[in-house]
C-alpha atoms as a PDB file:
ATOM      1  CA  UNK A   1      95.173  72.020 117.244  1.00  0.00           C
ATOM      2  CA  UNK A   2      91.972  70.981 118.969  1.00  0.00           C
ATOM      3  CA  UNK A   3      89.537  73.438 117.451  1.00  0.00           C
ATOM      4  CA  UNK A   4      85.807  73.162 118.049  1.00  0.00           C
ATOM      5  CA  UNK A   5      83.892  71.919 115.044  1.00  0.00           C
ATOM      6  CA  UNK A   6      81.323  74.443 113.872  1.00  0.00           C
ATOM      7  CA  UNK A   7      78.337  73.858 111.606  1.00  0.00           C
ATOM      8  CA  UNK A   8      80.152  75.519 108.728  1.00  0.00           C
ATOM      9  CA  UNK A   9      83.245  77.629 108.157  1.00  0.00           C
ATOM     10  CA  UNK A  10      82.961  81.056 109.736  1.00  0.00           C
ATOM     11  CA  UNK A  11      83.716  84.361 108.064  1.00  0.00           C
ATOM     12  CA  UNK A  12      85.819  86.350 110.527  1.00  0.00           C
ATOM     13  CA  UNK A  13      86.634  90.058 110.386  1.00  0.00           C
ATOM     14  CA  UNK A  14      89.969  90.792 112.120  1.00  0.00           C
ATOM     15  CA  UNK A  15      91.180  94.364 112.692  1.00  0.00           C
ATOM     16  CA  UNK A  16      94.547  95.089 114.322  1.00  0.00           C
ATOM     17  CA  UNK A  17      97.271  97.606 113.519  1.00  0.00           C
ATOM     18  CA  UNK A  18     100.057  95.050 114.137  1.00  0.00           C
ATOM     19  CA  UNK A  19     101.069  93.132 110.991  1.00  0.00           C
ATOM     20  CA  UNK A  20     102.473  90.181 112.955  1.00  0.00           C
ATOM     21  CA  UNK A  21      99.112  89.688 114.707  1.00  0.00           C
ATOM     22  CA  UNK A  22      97.256  89.782 111.379  1.00  0.00           C
ATOM     23  CA  UNK A  23      99.636  87.241 109.817  1.00  0.00           C
ATOM     24  CA  UNK A  24      99.242  84.855 112.759  1.00  0.00           C
ATOM     25  CA  UNK A  25      95.465  85.290 112.669  1.00  0.00           C
ATOM     26  CA  UNK A  26      95.374  84.429 108.960  1.00  0.00           C
ATOM     27  CA  UNK A  27      97.413  81.282 109.604  1.00  0.00           C
ATOM     28  CA  UNK A  28      95.412  80.015 112.567  1.00  0.00           C
ATOM     29  CA  UNK A  29      91.906  80.834 111.335  1.00  0.00           C
ATOM     30  CA  UNK A  30      92.628  79.436 107.860  1.00  0.00           C
ATOM     31  CA  UNK A  31      94.066  76.232 109.327  1.00  0.00           C
ATOM     32  CA  UNK A  32      90.851  75.870 111.354  1.00  0.00           C
ATOM     33  CA  UNK A  33      88.891  76.055 108.085  1.00  0.00           C
ATOM     34  CA  UNK A  34      87.547  79.578 108.492  1.00  0.00           C
ATOM     35  CA  UNK A  35      87.567  82.506 106.083  1.00  0.00           C
ATOM     36  CA  UNK A  36      89.364  85.508 107.551  1.00  0.00           C
ATOM     37  CA  UNK A  37      89.446  89.053 106.237  1.00  0.00           C
ATOM     38  CA  UNK A  38      92.072  91.251 107.901  1.00  0.00           C
ATOM     39  CA  UNK A  39      92.500  94.998 108.094  1.00  0.00           C
ATOM     40  CA  UNK A  40      95.356  96.964 109.648  1.00  0.00           C
ATOM     41  CA  UNK A  41      93.400 100.210 109.373  1.00  0.00           C
ATOM     42  CA  UNK A  42      89.932 100.895 110.787  1.00  0.00           C
ATOM     43  CA  UNK A  43      89.359 103.556 108.126  1.00  0.00           C
ATOM     44  CA  UNK A  44      90.222 101.153 105.293  1.00  0.00           C
ATOM     45  CA  UNK A  45      87.677  98.701 106.708  1.00  0.00           C
ATOM     46  CA  UNK A  46      84.984 101.363 106.852  1.00  0.00           C
ATOM     47  CA  UNK A  47      85.793 102.557 103.320  1.00  0.00           C
ATOM     48  CA  UNK A  48      85.730  99.051 101.824  1.00  0.00           C
ATOM     49  CA  UNK A  49      82.985  97.302 103.769  1.00  0.00           C
ATOM     50  CA  UNK A  50      80.381  99.917 104.733  1.00  0.00           C
ATOM     51  CA  UNK A  51      78.404  99.518 101.522  1.00  0.00           C
ATOM     52  CA  UNK A  52      77.963  95.782 102.179  1.00  0.00           C
ATOM     53  CA  UNK A  53      76.745  96.429 105.714  1.00  0.00           C
ATOM     54  CA  UNK A  54      79.292  93.910 107.015  1.00  0.00           C
ATOM     55  CA  UNK A  55      76.756  91.206 106.172  1.00  0.00           C
ATOM     56  CA  UNK A  56      79.309  88.550 105.213  1.00  0.00           C
ATOM     57  CA  UNK A  57      80.861  88.308 108.682  1.00  0.00           C
ATOM     58  CA  UNK A  58      79.899  85.872 111.437  1.00  0.00           C
ATOM     59  CA  UNK A  59      82.176  87.458 114.038  1.00  0.00           C
ATOM     60  CA  UNK A  60      84.691  90.281 114.469  1.00  0.00           C
ATOM     61  CA  UNK A  61      87.964  90.441 116.383  1.00  0.00           C
ATOM     62  CA  UNK A  62      88.982  94.050 116.973  1.00  0.00           C
ATOM     63  CA  UNK A  63      92.012  95.536 118.705  1.00  0.00           C
ATOM     64  CA  UNK A  64      90.934  98.217 121.160  1.00  0.00           C
ATOM     65  CA  UNK A  65      94.011 100.458 120.826  1.00  0.00           C
ATOM     66  CA  UNK A  66      94.620 101.605 117.240  1.00  0.00           C
ATOM     67  CA  UNK A  67      95.936 104.954 115.946  1.00  0.00           C
ATOM     68  CA  UNK A  68      93.014 106.083 113.759  1.00  0.00           C
ATOM     69  CA  UNK A  69      90.038 104.940 115.782  1.00  0.00           C
ATOM     70  CA  UNK A  70      89.641 102.889 118.941  1.00  0.00           C
ATOM     71  CA  UNK A  71      88.228  99.406 118.614  1.00  0.00           C
ATOM     72  CA  UNK A  72      85.079 100.381 120.478  1.00  0.00           C
ATOM     73  CA  UNK A  73      84.567 103.413 118.206  1.00  0.00           C
ATOM     74  CA  UNK A  74      85.090 101.187 115.175  1.00  0.00           C
ATOM     75  CA  UNK A  75      82.566  98.686 116.480  1.00  0.00           C
ATOM     76  CA  UNK A  76      80.010 101.480 116.952  1.00  0.00           C
ATOM     77  CA  UNK A  77      80.436 102.368 113.266  1.00  0.00           C
ATOM     78  CA  UNK A  78      80.031  98.705 112.294  1.00  0.00           C
ATOM     79  CA  UNK A  79      76.916  98.431 114.489  1.00  0.00           C
ATOM     80  CA  UNK A  80      75.303 101.313 112.574  1.00  0.00           C
ATOM     81  CA  UNK A  81      75.280  98.998 109.542  1.00  0.00           C
ATOM     82  CA  UNK A  82      75.170  95.543 111.147  1.00  0.00           C
ATOM     83  CA  UNK A  83      73.297  95.017 114.383  1.00  0.00           C
ATOM     84  CA  UNK A  84      74.530  92.356 116.822  1.00  0.00           C
ATOM     85  CA  UNK A  85      77.693  91.207 115.052  1.00  0.00           C
ATOM     86  CA  UNK A  86      79.430  89.090 117.732  1.00  0.00           C
ATOM     87  CA  UNK A  87      82.772  90.653 118.654  1.00  0.00           C
ATOM     88  CA  UNK A  88      85.904  89.864 120.607  1.00  0.00           C
ATOM     89  CA  UNK A  89      87.929  92.888 121.652  1.00  0.00           C
ATOM     90  CA  UNK A  90      91.665  92.363 122.144  1.00  0.00           C
ATOM     91  CA  UNK A  91      94.328  94.634 123.627  1.00  0.00           C
ATOM     92  CA  UNK A  92      97.901  94.530 124.829  1.00  0.00           C
ATOM     93  CA  UNK A  93      97.283  97.487 127.110  1.00  0.00           C
ATOM     94  CA  UNK A  94      95.973  97.288 130.649  1.00  0.00           C
ATOM     95  CA  UNK A  95      92.378  97.951 129.714  1.00  0.00           C
ATOM     96  CA  UNK A  96      90.365  99.144 132.695  1.00  0.00           C
ATOM     97  CA  UNK A  97      87.491 101.008 131.031  1.00  0.00           C
ATOM     98  CA  UNK A  98      84.450  98.766 131.156  1.00  0.00           C
ATOM     99  CA  UNK A  99      83.097  97.658 127.820  1.00  0.00           C
ATOM    100  CA  UNK A 100      79.445  98.478 127.512  1.00  0.00           C
ATOM    101  CA  UNK A 101      77.314  97.297 124.672  1.00  0.00           C
ATOM    102  CA  UNK A 102      73.959  98.956 124.097  1.00  0.00           C
ATOM    103  CA  UNK A 103      72.408  95.870 122.539  1.00  0.00           C
ATOM    104  CA  UNK A 104      72.357  92.186 123.336  1.00  0.00           C
ATOM    105  CA  UNK A 105      75.421  91.691 121.133  1.00  0.00           C
ATOM    106  CA  UNK A 106      77.595  88.757 122.222  1.00  0.00           C
ATOM    107  CA  UNK A 107      81.031  90.143 123.096  1.00  0.00           C
ATOM    108  CA  UNK A 108      84.165  89.321 125.059  1.00  0.00           C
ATOM    109  CA  UNK A 109      87.481  90.939 125.962  1.00  0.00           C
ATOM    110  CA  UNK A 110      90.730  88.955 125.663  1.00  0.00           C
ATOM    111  CA  UNK A 111      94.037  90.517 126.770  1.00  0.00           C
ATOM    112  CA  UNK A 112      97.201  90.164 124.697  1.00  0.00           C
ATOM    113  CA  UNK A 113      99.267  88.083 124.650  1.00  0.00           C
ATOM    114  CA  UNK A 114      97.011  85.121 123.957  1.00  0.00           C
ATOM    115  CA  UNK A 115      97.327  81.755 122.303  1.00  0.00           C
ATOM    116  CA  UNK A 116      95.831  81.919 118.821  1.00  0.00           C
ATOM    117  CA  UNK A 117      94.407  78.423 119.216  1.00  0.00           C
ATOM    118  CA  UNK A 118      92.460  79.730 122.241  1.00  0.00           C
ATOM    119  CA  UNK A 119      91.316  82.799 120.300  1.00  0.00           C
ATOM    120  CA  UNK A 120      90.022  80.627 117.447  1.00  0.00           C
ATOM    121  CA  UNK A 121      88.016  78.584 119.974  1.00  0.00           C
ATOM    122  CA  UNK A 122      86.580  81.737 121.559  1.00  0.00           C
ATOM    123  CA  UNK A 123      85.582  83.101 118.145  1.00  0.00           C
ATOM    124  CA  UNK A 124      83.842  79.834 117.310  1.00  0.00           C
ATOM    125  CA  UNK A 125      81.963  79.904 120.630  1.00  0.00           C
ATOM    126  CA  UNK A 126      80.881  83.543 120.381  1.00  0.00           C
ATOM    127  CA  UNK A 127      79.912  83.233 116.701  1.00  0.00           C
ATOM    128  CA  UNK A 128      77.737  80.215 117.498  1.00  0.00           C
ATOM    129  CA  UNK A 129      76.114  82.057 120.418  1.00  0.00           C
ATOM    130  CA  UNK A 130      75.501  85.045 118.153  1.00  0.00           C
ATOM    131  CA  UNK A 131      73.663  82.911 115.634  1.00  0.00           C
ATOM    132  CA  UNK A 132      71.245  81.918 118.394  1.00  0.00           C
ATOM    133  CA  UNK A 133      70.434  85.489 119.463  1.00  0.00           C
ATOM    134  CA  UNK A 134      66.990  86.463 118.231  1.00  0.00           C
END
């Protein structure tokens, strides 16, 4: 599939309310040798992971448009516990609101539909850049 080789397997947090997207993400990230934890509900993620401070993750992929909480609102909650977690926001909607990050967090926006092989590469790139941020 032509994935970039990283120093070690990444631990990726993936949040999207579409089951088919989560299943494809699990397949592609696992086949690239990465650990992926998926959530279809922002609230379930907050309930289960807040106590750990999201420390296990190298990068997050978060859908912007979800019923309970927007992806940017979810990321703000994550950032309260884990500063500068690299993130890729995804959305199938025509997203025109500019993304603004208040820190030097590495982030990117990728519109749906996308090729999962390309998304895996982008996650690897942004996770590596995030590990270099001081």
